[in-house]
Amino acid sequence: MFQLTEEEVESLLFNNVISSKGNLGGFLPFVFTEHGVLMLANVLRSTQAISVSIRIIEIFITLRDKMFENVELKRAIMKLENLTKNNTKNIELIFDYSDELSEKSKSSAEREKIGFKITKK
């Protein structure tokens, strides 16, 4: 069991876990880790306390699994972003080359032809 810091309480408020600091009674709350809940379940002997402790441990496990799923999802999204950044650069490069080629073809059409003019008599 440990006490939350002010920054952690602000994070709880920001993420809508608690509605206001007034719910805390003006004190920083004490919280249990997953292992703390397990130790508490070993101390408390009532069937209700044991079933609640087991449910809390299951919730901790689910949260941990979801956290790791989000990390993998975030990595996959970052990979896709990197791929699309490279694609965007390549597409911009293609358009730049296309603009250069079209400018060259326009300027060559407007130039005077070089050479002799042959006229028939």
N, C-alpha and C. Protein backbone atom coordinates (compact mmCIF):
# COMPACT_ATOMS: atom_id res chain seq x y z
N MET A 1 0.85 -1.17 0.00
CA MET A 1 0.00 0.00 0.00
C MET A 1 0.90 1.23 0.00
N PHE A 2 0.51 2.24 -0.80
CA PHE A 2 1.28 3.46 -0.85
C PHE A 2 0.34 4.64 -1.08
N GLN A 3 0.86 5.85 -0.84
CA GLN A 3 0.06 7.06 -1.00
C GLN A 3 0.34 7.69 -2.36
N LEU A 4 -0.73 8.12 -3.02
CA LEU A 4 -0.58 8.77 -4.32
C LEU A 4 0.04 10.15 -4.16
N THR A 5 0.75 10.58 -5.18
CA THR A 5 1.32 11.94 -5.19
C THR A 5 0.27 12.90 -5.75
N GLU A 6 0.56 14.17 -5.62
CA GLU A 6 -0.35 15.21 -6.14
C GLU A 6 -0.49 15.08 -7.66
N GLU A 7 0.61 14.77 -8.36
CA GLU A 7 0.56 14.61 -9.82
C GLU A 7 -0.33 13.42 -10.21
N GLU A 8 -0.26 12.34 -9.45
CA GLU A 8 -1.09 11.17 -9.75
C GLU A 8 -2.56 11.47 -9.53
N VAL A 9 -2.88 12.24 -8.50
CA VAL A 9 -4.26 12.64 -8.26
C VAL A 9 -4.75 13.53 -9.40
N GLU A 10 -3.89 14.45 -9.86
CA GLU A 10 -4.26 15.31 -11.00
C GLU A 10 -4.54 14.46 -12.24
N SER A 11 -3.75 13.41 -12.43
CA SER A 11 -3.95 12.51 -13.55
C SER A 11 -5.30 11.79 -13.43
N LEU A 12 -5.67 11.40 -12.21
CA LEU A 12 -6.98 10.78 -12.00
C LEU A 12 -8.11 11.75 -12.34
N LEU A 13 -7.95 13.00 -11.95
CA LEU A 13 -8.95 14.02 -12.27
C LEU A 13 -9.03 14.23 -13.78
N PHE A 14 -7.87 14.33 -14.42
CA PHE A 14 -7.81 14.58 -15.86
C PHE A 14 -8.46 13.46 -16.65
N ASN A 15 -8.29 12.22 -16.19
CA ASN A 15 -8.83 11.06 -16.90
C ASN A 15 -10.23 10.67 -16.43
N ASN A 16 -10.87 11.55 -15.64
CA ASN A 16 -12.24 11.34 -15.16
C ASN A 16 -12.40 10.08 -14.32
N VAL A 17 -11.36 9.69 -13.60
CA VAL A 17 -11.46 8.55 -12.69
C VAL A 17 -12.19 8.99 -11.43
N ILE A 18 -11.90 10.21 -10.97
CA ILE A 18 -12.63 10.81 -9.86
C ILE A 18 -13.18 12.15 -10.32
N SER A 19 -14.30 12.55 -9.74
CA SER A 19 -14.94 13.77 -10.23
C SER A 19 -14.31 15.04 -9.69
N SER A 20 -13.80 15.00 -8.45
CA SER A 20 -13.16 16.18 -7.88
C SER A 20 -12.29 15.77 -6.71
N LYS A 21 -11.40 16.68 -6.31
CA LYS A 21 -10.55 16.41 -5.16
C LYS A 21 -11.36 16.38 -3.87
N GLY A 22 -12.54 16.99 -3.89
CA GLY A 22 -13.41 16.99 -2.72
C GLY A 22 -13.82 15.59 -2.30
N ASN A 23 -13.84 14.66 -3.26
CA ASN A 23 -14.18 13.27 -2.95
C ASN A 23 -13.10 12.60 -2.11
N LEU A 24 -11.91 13.19 -2.06
CA LEU A 24 -10.80 12.58 -1.33
C LEU A 24 -10.73 13.06 0.11
N GLY A 25 -11.57 13.99 0.50
CA GLY A 25 -11.59 14.48 1.88
C GLY A 25 -10.41 15.37 2.23
N GLY A 26 -9.76 15.95 1.22
CA GLY A 26 -8.64 16.84 1.48
C GLY A 26 -7.31 16.14 1.71
N PHE A 27 -7.27 14.84 1.57
CA PHE A 27 -6.04 14.08 1.79
C PHE A 27 -5.69 13.31 0.52
N LEU A 28 -4.40 13.02 0.37
CA LEU A 28 -3.98 12.16 -0.73
C LEU A 28 -4.32 10.72 -0.37
N PRO A 29 -4.95 9.99 -1.28
CA PRO A 29 -5.42 8.64 -0.93
C PRO A 29 -4.30 7.61 -0.90
N PHE A 30 -4.54 6.57 -0.10
CA PHE A 30 -3.67 5.40 -0.10
C PHE A 30 -4.28 4.37 -1.04
N VAL A 31 -3.44 3.68 -1.79
CA VAL A 31 -3.91 2.71 -2.78
C VAL A 31 -3.15 1.40 -2.63
N PHE A 32 -3.75 0.34 -3.15
CA PHE A 32 -3.13 -0.98 -3.12
C PHE A 32 -2.58 -1.33 -4.49
N THR A 33 -1.49 -2.05 -4.50
CA THR A 33 -1.02 -2.66 -5.74
C THR A 33 -1.70 -4.00 -5.89
N GLU A 34 -1.48 -4.67 -7.00
CA GLU A 34 -2.05 -5.99 -7.21
C GLU A 34 -1.59 -6.96 -6.11
N HIS A 35 -0.32 -6.87 -5.76
CA HIS A 35 0.22 -7.76 -4.73
C HIS A 35 -0.32 -7.40 -3.35
N GLY A 36 -0.57 -6.11 -3.12
CA GLY A 36 -1.15 -5.69 -1.85
C GLY A 36 -2.55 -6.24 -1.66
N VAL A 37 -3.33 -6.27 -2.73
CA VAL A 37 -4.67 -6.84 -2.65
C VAL A 37 -4.59 -8.33 -2.35
N LEU A 38 -3.64 -9.00 -2.97
CA LEU A 38 -3.46 -10.43 -2.72
C LEU A 38 -3.09 -10.69 -1.26
N MET A 39 -2.20 -9.87 -0.72
CA MET A 39 -1.82 -10.03 0.70
C MET A 39 -3.02 -9.73 1.60
N LEU A 40 -3.82 -8.74 1.25
CA LEU A 40 -5.00 -8.41 2.03
C LEU A 40 -6.00 -9.57 2.00
N ALA A 41 -6.12 -10.22 0.85
CA ALA A 41 -7.03 -11.37 0.75
C ALA A 41 -6.58 -12.50 1.65
N ASN A 42 -5.27 -12.63 1.86
CA ASN A 42 -4.77 -13.68 2.74
C ASN A 42 -5.03 -13.36 4.20
N VAL A 43 -5.12 -12.08 4.55
CA VAL A 43 -5.36 -11.68 5.94
C VAL A 43 -6.84 -11.75 6.28
N LEU A 44 -7.68 -11.25 5.37
CA LEU A 44 -9.12 -11.25 5.61
C LEU A 44 -9.70 -12.64 5.34
N ARG A 45 -10.55 -13.13 6.24
CA ARG A 45 -11.01 -14.51 6.13
C ARG A 45 -12.48 -14.66 5.73
N SER A 46 -13.24 -13.57 5.67
CA SER A 46 -14.65 -13.72 5.32
C SER A 46 -14.78 -14.07 3.84
N THR A 47 -15.85 -14.77 3.51
CA THR A 47 -16.05 -15.18 2.11
C THR A 47 -16.27 -13.97 1.22
N GLN A 48 -16.95 -12.94 1.74
CA GLN A 48 -17.18 -11.75 0.94
C GLN A 48 -15.87 -11.01 0.66
N ALA A 49 -15.00 -10.89 1.68
CA ALA A 49 -13.71 -10.22 1.49
C ALA A 49 -12.85 -10.98 0.50
N ILE A 50 -12.87 -12.28 0.57
CA ILE A 50 -12.07 -13.10 -0.35
C ILE A 50 -12.60 -12.96 -1.77
N SER A 51 -13.91 -13.01 -1.96
CA SER A 51 -14.46 -12.90 -3.31
C SER A 51 -14.20 -11.51 -3.90
N VAL A 52 -14.30 -10.46 -3.08
CA VAL A 52 -14.00 -9.11 -3.57
C VAL A 52 -12.53 -9.00 -3.93
N SER A 53 -11.65 -9.55 -3.11
CA SER A 53 -10.22 -9.49 -3.39
C SER A 53 -9.88 -10.23 -4.68
N ILE A 54 -10.50 -11.37 -4.89
CA ILE A 54 -10.27 -12.13 -6.12
C ILE A 54 -10.73 -11.32 -7.33
N ARG A 55 -11.89 -10.67 -7.21
CA ARG A 55 -12.39 -9.86 -8.32
C ARG A 55 -11.45 -8.69 -8.61
N ILE A 56 -10.93 -8.05 -7.56
CA ILE A 56 -10.00 -6.94 -7.75
C ILE A 56 -8.74 -7.42 -8.45
N ILE A 57 -8.23 -8.58 -8.07
CA ILE A 57 -7.04 -9.13 -8.73
C ILE A 57 -7.33 -9.42 -10.20
N GLU A 58 -8.52 -9.95 -10.49
CA GLU A 58 -8.89 -10.19 -11.89
C GLU A 58 -8.92 -8.88 -12.67
N ILE A 59 -9.41 -7.81 -12.05
CA ILE A 59 -9.45 -6.51 -12.71
C ILE A 59 -8.03 -6.00 -12.95
N PHE A 60 -7.14 -6.17 -11.97
CA PHE A 60 -5.75 -5.78 -12.17
C PHE A 60 -5.14 -6.51 -13.37
N ILE A 61 -5.39 -7.78 -13.46
CA ILE A 61 -4.85 -8.59 -14.57
C ILE A 61 -5.41 -8.10 -15.90
N THR A 62 -6.72 -7.82 -15.94
CA THR A 62 -7.33 -7.31 -17.16
C THR A 62 -6.73 -5.97 -17.56
N LEU A 63 -6.56 -5.07 -16.58
CA LEU A 63 -5.96 -3.77 -16.86
C LEU A 63 -4.55 -3.91 -17.41
N ARG A 64 -3.76 -4.80 -16.82
CA ARG A 64 -2.40 -5.01 -17.29
C ARG A 64 -2.39 -5.53 -18.72
N ASP A 65 -3.29 -6.48 -19.02
CA ASP A 65 -3.38 -7.00 -20.38
C ASP A 65 -3.77 -5.90 -21.37
N LYS A 66 -4.74 -5.07 -20.99
CA LYS A 66 -5.17 -3.97 -21.86
C LYS A 66 -4.03 -2.98 -22.07
N MET A 67 -3.26 -2.73 -21.02
CA MET A 67 -2.14 -1.80 -21.14
C MET A 67 -1.12 -2.31 -22.15
N PHE A 68 -0.82 -3.61 -22.11
CA PHE A 68 0.14 -4.16 -23.07
C PHE A 68 -0.44 -4.19 -24.47
N GLU A 69 -1.75 -4.43 -24.61
CA GLU A 69 -2.38 -4.38 -25.92
C GLU A 69 -2.25 -2.98 -26.51
N ASN A 70 -2.45 -1.96 -25.69
CA ASN A 70 -2.34 -0.59 -26.17
C ASN A 70 -0.92 -0.26 -26.60
N VAL A 71 0.07 -0.79 -25.88
CA VAL A 71 1.46 -0.54 -26.25
C VAL A 71 1.74 -1.15 -27.63
N GLU A 72 1.27 -2.36 -27.86
CA GLU A 72 1.48 -3.01 -29.15
C GLU A 72 0.73 -2.25 -30.26
N LEU A 73 -0.48 -1.81 -29.95
CA LEU A 73 -1.25 -1.03 -30.92
C LEU A 73 -0.54 0.28 -31.25
N LYS A 74 0.01 0.92 -30.23
CA LYS A 74 0.72 2.18 -30.45
C LYS A 74 1.96 1.96 -31.32
N ARG A 75 2.68 0.87 -31.07
CA ARG A 75 3.86 0.56 -31.90
C ARG A 75 3.45 0.33 -33.36
N ALA A 76 2.36 -0.39 -33.56
CA ALA A 76 1.90 -0.67 -34.92
C ALA A 76 1.50 0.63 -35.64
N ILE A 77 0.82 1.51 -34.93
CA ILE A 77 0.42 2.79 -35.52
C ILE A 77 1.65 3.62 -35.87
N MET A 78 2.64 3.62 -34.99
CA MET A 78 3.86 4.39 -35.27
C MET A 78 4.58 3.85 -36.50
N LYS A 79 4.59 2.51 -36.66
CA LYS A 79 5.19 1.93 -37.86
C LYS A 79 4.46 2.41 -39.11
N LEU A 80 3.13 2.39 -39.06
CA LEU A 80 2.34 2.85 -40.20
C LEU A 80 2.58 4.32 -40.49
N GLU A 81 2.69 5.12 -39.44
CA GLU A 81 2.97 6.55 -39.64
C GLU A 81 4.31 6.74 -40.33
N ASN A 82 5.31 5.98 -39.92
CA ASN A 82 6.63 6.11 -40.54
C ASN A 82 6.57 5.70 -42.02
N LEU A 83 5.81 4.66 -42.31
CA LEU A 83 5.67 4.25 -43.71
C LEU A 83 4.98 5.32 -44.53
N THR A 84 3.93 5.91 -43.99
CA THR A 84 3.21 6.93 -44.75
C THR A 84 4.03 8.20 -44.88
N LYS A 85 4.87 8.51 -43.89
CA LYS A 85 5.74 9.68 -44.02
C LYS A 85 6.67 9.50 -45.21
N ASN A 86 7.25 8.30 -45.34
CA ASN A 86 8.13 8.03 -46.48
C ASN A 86 7.35 8.09 -47.79
N ASN A 87 6.13 7.56 -47.79
CA ASN A 87 5.32 7.60 -49.01
C ASN A 87 4.99 9.03 -49.39
N THR A 88 4.68 9.84 -48.40
CA THR A 88 4.36 11.25 -48.67
C THR A 88 5.55 11.96 -49.29
N LYS A 89 6.73 11.72 -48.74
CA LYS A 89 7.94 12.34 -49.29
C LYS A 89 8.16 11.89 -50.72
N ASN A 90 7.97 10.61 -50.99
CA ASN A 90 8.16 10.08 -52.34
C ASN A 90 7.15 10.68 -53.32
N ILE A 91 5.91 10.81 -52.89
CA ILE A 91 4.88 11.38 -53.76
C ILE A 91 5.19 12.84 -54.06
N GLU A 92 5.62 13.58 -53.04
CA GLU A 92 5.99 14.98 -53.26
C GLU A 92 7.15 15.08 -54.24
N LEU A 93 8.11 14.18 -54.14
CA LEU A 93 9.25 14.17 -55.05
C LEU A 93 8.79 13.89 -56.49
N ILE A 94 7.86 12.98 -56.65
CA ILE A 94 7.33 12.67 -57.99
C ILE A 94 6.64 13.89 -58.58
N PHE A 95 5.85 14.59 -57.78
CA PHE A 95 5.18 15.79 -58.27
C PHE A 95 6.19 16.88 -58.63
N ASP A 96 7.24 17.01 -57.84
CA ASP A 96 8.27 18.00 -58.17
C ASP A 96 8.93 17.69 -59.50
N TYR A 97 9.28 16.42 -59.72
CA TYR A 97 9.88 16.03 -60.99
C TYR A 97 8.90 16.24 -62.15
N SER A 98 7.65 15.94 -61.91
CA SER A 98 6.65 16.14 -62.95
C SER A 98 6.52 17.61 -63.30
N ASP A 99 6.53 18.49 -62.29
CA ASP A 99 6.46 19.93 -62.56
C ASP A 99 7.68 20.39 -63.35
N GLU A 100 8.87 19.90 -62.99
CA GLU A 100 10.08 20.28 -63.71
C GLU A 100 10.01 19.86 -65.18
N LEU A 101 9.54 18.63 -65.42
CA LEU A 101 9.44 18.14 -66.79
C LEU A 101 8.42 18.95 -67.59
N SER A 102 7.31 19.29 -66.99
CA SER A 102 6.30 20.06 -67.73
C SER A 102 6.80 21.47 -68.01
N GLU A 103 7.58 22.07 -67.11
CA GLU A 103 8.15 23.39 -67.35
C GLU A 103 9.15 23.35 -68.50
N LYS A 104 9.95 22.27 -68.54
CA LYS A 104 10.92 22.13 -69.61
C LYS A 104 10.23 21.97 -70.95
N SER A 105 9.15 21.19 -71.01
CA SER A 105 8.45 20.98 -72.29
C SER A 105 7.77 22.26 -72.74
N LYS A 106 7.26 23.07 -71.82
CA LYS A 106 6.65 24.35 -72.19
C LYS A 106 7.70 25.30 -72.73
N SER A 107 8.85 25.36 -72.08
CA SER A 107 9.89 26.30 -72.53
C SER A 107 10.48 25.86 -73.86
N SER A 108 10.54 24.57 -74.14
CA SER A 108 11.10 24.12 -75.42
C SER A 108 10.12 24.38 -76.56
N ALA A 109 8.84 24.41 -76.30
CA ALA A 109 7.85 24.69 -77.34
C ALA A 109 7.86 26.16 -77.73
N GLU A 110 8.22 27.02 -76.82
CA GLU A 110 8.22 28.46 -77.06
C GLU A 110 9.53 28.94 -77.70
N ARG A 111 10.58 28.15 -77.66
CA ARG A 111 11.87 28.57 -78.21
C ARG A 111 11.83 28.63 -79.73
N GLU A 112 12.69 29.47 -80.26
CA GLU A 112 12.85 29.50 -81.71
C GLU A 112 13.67 28.30 -82.12
N LYS A 113 13.32 27.81 -83.29
CA LYS A 113 14.06 26.65 -83.78
C LYS A 113 15.41 27.11 -84.28
N ILE A 114 16.40 26.26 -84.08
CA ILE A 114 17.75 26.55 -84.49
C ILE A 114 18.01 25.85 -85.83
N GLY A 115 18.65 26.55 -86.74
CA GLY A 115 18.99 25.92 -88.00
C GLY A 115 18.72 26.86 -89.18
N PHE A 116 18.86 26.33 -90.42
CA PHE A 116 18.66 27.11 -91.62
C PHE A 116 17.23 26.94 -92.09
N LYS A 117 16.71 28.03 -92.64
CA LYS A 117 15.38 27.95 -93.24
C LYS A 117 15.59 27.77 -94.74
N ILE A 118 14.99 26.76 -95.25
CA ILE A 118 15.13 26.49 -96.69
C ILE A 118 13.85 26.95 -97.37
N THR A 119 14.04 27.78 -98.33
CA THR A 119 12.89 28.27 -99.07
C THR A 119 13.00 27.77 -100.50
N LYS A 120 11.88 27.51 -101.13
CA LYS A 120 11.85 27.04 -102.51
C LYS A 120 11.74 28.22 -103.45
N LYS A 121 12.43 28.14 -104.56
CA LYS A 121 12.39 29.21 -105.55
C LYS A 121 11.51 28.88 -106.68
